[in-house]
Amino acid sequence: MTSHDNKDNARSIWAVVLMYGRENDTAACLESLLRQDHPNLTILLVDNASPDGAGTRLQRRFPGIRYLHTGTN
């Protein structure tokens, strides 16, 4: 059995995506990350105070990712 066969034995990987606006580009990035098959992948979207609400919309669109809104740029 390889580490990829057992979620408990696989190393954790975090993908941190920083964003400021650019909703479509960020969505494409998140979609690509979600296609990965690593069993312990955590995705963190950091919205650097996007003024257009893009981060909030992406948070609703991708409920399986973690989200952090910085409040200021």
N, C-alpha and C. Protein backbone atom coordinates (compact mmCIF):
# COMPACT_ATOMS: atom_id res chain seq x y z
N MET A 1 0.84 -1.18 0.00
CA MET A 1 0.00 0.00 0.00
C MET A 1 0.89 1.24 0.00
N THR A 2 0.63 2.17 -0.88
CA THR A 2 1.37 3.42 -0.92
C THR A 2 0.70 4.45 -0.02
N SER A 3 1.41 5.54 0.25
CA SER A 3 0.82 6.57 1.09
C SER A 3 -0.40 7.19 0.44
N HIS A 4 -0.50 7.12 -0.90
CA HIS A 4 -1.67 7.68 -1.57
C HIS A 4 -2.89 6.77 -1.41
N ASP A 5 -2.69 5.53 -1.03
CA ASP A 5 -3.80 4.61 -0.85
C ASP A 5 -4.48 4.81 0.49
N ASN A 6 -3.80 5.43 1.43
CA ASN A 6 -4.33 5.57 2.77
C ASN A 6 -4.24 7.02 3.19
N LYS A 7 -5.39 7.67 3.34
CA LYS A 7 -5.41 9.09 3.67
C LYS A 7 -4.65 9.39 4.95
N ASP A 8 -4.69 8.50 5.92
CA ASP A 8 -4.03 8.74 7.20
C ASP A 8 -2.51 8.76 7.07
N ASN A 9 -1.97 8.09 6.07
CA ASN A 9 -0.52 8.01 5.90
C ASN A 9 0.03 9.04 4.92
N ALA A 10 -0.83 9.70 4.17
CA ALA A 10 -0.37 10.66 3.17
C ALA A 10 -0.01 11.98 3.85
N ARG A 11 1.01 12.62 3.33
CA ARG A 11 1.41 13.92 3.86
C ARG A 11 0.38 14.98 3.50
N SER A 12 0.21 15.92 4.41
CA SER A 12 -0.70 17.03 4.15
C SER A 12 -0.05 18.04 3.22
N ILE A 13 -0.84 18.53 2.31
CA ILE A 13 -0.40 19.58 1.40
C ILE A 13 -1.42 20.71 1.47
N TRP A 14 -0.94 21.92 1.64
CA TRP A 14 -1.79 23.10 1.62
C TRP A 14 -1.48 23.89 0.36
N ALA A 15 -2.51 24.27 -0.34
CA ALA A 15 -2.38 25.19 -1.46
C ALA A 15 -3.02 26.50 -1.02
N VAL A 16 -2.22 27.55 -0.97
CA VAL A 16 -2.71 28.86 -0.55
C VAL A 16 -2.82 29.74 -1.79
N VAL A 17 -4.02 30.20 -2.05
CA VAL A 17 -4.29 31.02 -3.22
C VAL A 17 -4.65 32.42 -2.74
N LEU A 18 -3.84 33.39 -3.12
CA LEU A 18 -4.11 34.79 -2.78
C LEU A 18 -4.87 35.44 -3.92
N MET A 19 -5.86 36.26 -3.57
CA MET A 19 -6.63 36.90 -4.62
C MET A 19 -6.96 38.34 -4.26
N TYR A 20 -7.10 39.14 -5.29
CA TYR A 20 -7.62 40.50 -5.19
C TYR A 20 -8.40 40.73 -6.48
N GLY A 21 -9.71 40.52 -6.40
CA GLY A 21 -10.51 40.57 -7.63
C GLY A 21 -10.20 39.36 -8.49
N ARG A 22 -10.21 39.53 -9.77
CA ARG A 22 -9.84 38.47 -10.73
C ARG A 22 -10.61 37.17 -10.47
N GLU A 23 -11.91 37.29 -10.33
CA GLU A 23 -12.75 36.15 -9.97
C GLU A 23 -12.62 34.99 -10.95
N ASN A 24 -12.66 35.24 -12.24
CA ASN A 24 -12.60 34.15 -13.22
C ASN A 24 -11.26 33.43 -13.17
N ASP A 25 -10.18 34.17 -13.08
CA ASP A 25 -8.86 33.54 -13.01
C ASP A 25 -8.71 32.72 -11.74
N THR A 26 -9.20 33.27 -10.64
CA THR A 26 -9.11 32.56 -9.36
C THR A 26 -9.97 31.30 -9.38
N ALA A 27 -11.15 31.38 -9.97
CA ALA A 27 -12.02 30.21 -10.09
C ALA A 27 -11.34 29.11 -10.91
N ALA A 28 -10.69 29.49 -11.99
CA ALA A 28 -9.97 28.50 -12.81
C ALA A 28 -8.86 27.84 -12.01
N CYS A 29 -8.17 28.62 -11.21
CA CYS A 29 -7.11 28.07 -10.37
C CYS A 29 -7.69 27.08 -9.36
N LEU A 30 -8.77 27.45 -8.70
CA LEU A 30 -9.40 26.57 -7.72
C LEU A 30 -9.91 25.29 -8.37
N GLU A 31 -10.51 25.42 -9.54
CA GLU A 31 -11.00 24.23 -10.25
C GLU A 31 -9.85 23.28 -10.57
N SER A 32 -8.72 23.83 -10.98
CA SER A 32 -7.55 23.01 -11.26
C SER A 32 -7.06 22.30 -10.01
N LEU A 33 -7.00 23.02 -8.92
CA LEU A 33 -6.56 22.41 -7.65
C LEU A 33 -7.51 21.30 -7.21
N LEU A 34 -8.80 21.53 -7.39
CA LEU A 34 -9.79 20.53 -6.96
C LEU A 34 -9.74 19.26 -7.81
N ARG A 35 -9.15 19.32 -8.98
CA ARG A 35 -8.99 18.12 -9.82
C ARG A 35 -7.83 17.23 -9.36
N GLN A 36 -7.02 17.72 -8.46
CA GLN A 36 -5.89 16.93 -7.96
C GLN A 36 -6.42 15.77 -7.13
N ASP A 37 -5.67 14.68 -7.12
CA ASP A 37 -6.15 13.49 -6.41
C ASP A 37 -5.42 13.22 -5.10
N HIS A 38 -4.66 14.17 -4.62
CA HIS A 38 -3.97 13.95 -3.35
C HIS A 38 -5.01 13.88 -2.23
N PRO A 39 -4.94 12.85 -1.37
CA PRO A 39 -5.99 12.65 -0.37
C PRO A 39 -5.97 13.67 0.77
N ASN A 40 -4.87 14.34 1.00
CA ASN A 40 -4.80 15.31 2.11
C ASN A 40 -4.48 16.70 1.61
N LEU A 41 -5.18 17.13 0.58
CA LEU A 41 -4.98 18.47 0.03
C LEU A 41 -5.98 19.42 0.68
N THR A 42 -5.48 20.49 1.25
CA THR A 42 -6.31 21.55 1.80
C THR A 42 -6.07 22.80 0.97
N ILE A 43 -7.14 23.45 0.55
CA ILE A 43 -7.04 24.67 -0.25
C ILE A 43 -7.52 25.83 0.60
N LEU A 44 -6.68 26.85 0.71
CA LEU A 44 -7.02 28.06 1.43
C LEU A 44 -7.06 29.22 0.44
N LEU A 45 -8.20 29.86 0.33
CA LEU A 45 -8.35 31.04 -0.50
C LEU A 45 -8.26 32.26 0.41
N VAL A 46 -7.28 33.11 0.15
CA VAL A 46 -7.10 34.34 0.92
C VAL A 46 -7.53 35.50 0.04
N ASP A 47 -8.65 36.11 0.43
CA ASP A 47 -9.17 37.27 -0.29
C ASP A 47 -8.57 38.52 0.34
N ASN A 48 -7.73 39.18 -0.43
CA ASN A 48 -7.03 40.36 0.05
C ASN A 48 -7.91 41.61 -0.13
N ALA A 49 -9.11 41.55 0.47
CA ALA A 49 -10.07 42.66 0.47
C ALA A 49 -10.52 43.07 -0.93
N SER A 50 -10.88 42.08 -1.73
CA SER A 50 -11.41 42.39 -3.07
C SER A 50 -12.61 43.31 -2.95
N PRO A 51 -12.59 44.44 -3.64
CA PRO A 51 -13.67 45.42 -3.49
C PRO A 51 -14.97 45.04 -4.19
N ASP A 52 -14.91 44.02 -5.04
CA ASP A 52 -16.08 43.67 -5.85
C ASP A 52 -16.87 42.48 -5.32
N GLY A 53 -16.51 41.94 -4.16
CA GLY A 53 -17.23 40.80 -3.60
C GLY A 53 -16.86 39.47 -4.22
N ALA A 54 -15.81 39.43 -5.02
CA ALA A 54 -15.42 38.20 -5.71
C ALA A 54 -15.11 37.07 -4.73
N GLY A 55 -14.43 37.38 -3.66
CA GLY A 55 -14.07 36.35 -2.69
C GLY A 55 -15.28 35.69 -2.06
N THR A 56 -16.27 36.49 -1.72
CA THR A 56 -17.50 35.95 -1.13
C THR A 56 -18.23 35.05 -2.12
N ARG A 57 -18.28 35.47 -3.36
CA ARG A 57 -18.93 34.63 -4.39
C ARG A 57 -18.17 33.31 -4.57
N LEU A 58 -16.84 33.37 -4.58
CA LEU A 58 -16.06 32.14 -4.73
C LEU A 58 -16.21 31.24 -3.51
N GLN A 59 -16.33 31.83 -2.35
CA GLN A 59 -16.55 31.04 -1.14
C GLN A 59 -17.85 30.24 -1.25
N ARG A 60 -18.88 30.87 -1.78
CA ARG A 60 -20.16 30.16 -1.97
C ARG A 60 -20.06 29.12 -3.08
N ARG A 61 -19.32 29.44 -4.13
CA ARG A 61 -19.19 28.54 -5.28
C ARG A 61 -18.36 27.31 -4.97
N PHE A 62 -17.37 27.46 -4.08
CA PHE A 62 -16.47 26.36 -3.73
C PHE A 62 -16.54 26.11 -2.22
N PRO A 63 -17.61 25.50 -1.73
CA PRO A 63 -17.79 25.36 -0.28
C PRO A 63 -16.78 24.43 0.40
N GLY A 64 -16.07 23.62 -0.36
CA GLY A 64 -15.13 22.68 0.24
C GLY A 64 -13.76 23.26 0.56
N ILE A 65 -13.54 24.52 0.21
CA ILE A 65 -12.24 25.12 0.49
C ILE A 65 -12.33 25.99 1.73
N ARG A 66 -11.17 26.26 2.31
CA ARG A 66 -11.11 27.18 3.45
C ARG A 66 -10.98 28.59 2.89
N TYR A 67 -11.47 29.55 3.66
CA TYR A 67 -11.54 30.92 3.16
C TYR A 67 -11.10 31.89 4.25
N LEU A 68 -10.31 32.87 3.87
CA LEU A 68 -9.88 33.91 4.79
C LEU A 68 -10.01 35.25 4.08
N HIS A 69 -10.74 36.17 4.68
CA HIS A 69 -10.87 37.52 4.13
C HIS A 69 -10.03 38.44 5.01
N THR A 70 -9.07 39.14 4.41
CA THR A 70 -8.14 39.95 5.19
C THR A 70 -8.74 41.26 5.68
N GLY A 71 -9.75 41.77 5.02
CA GLY A 71 -10.36 43.01 5.45
C GLY A 71 -9.72 44.26 4.89
N THR A 72 -8.41 44.23 4.65
CA THR A 72 -7.73 45.37 4.04
C THR A 72 -6.71 44.84 3.04
N ASN A 73 -6.36 45.69 2.09
CA ASN A 73 -5.36 45.31 1.10
C ASN A 73 -4.05 45.93 1.49
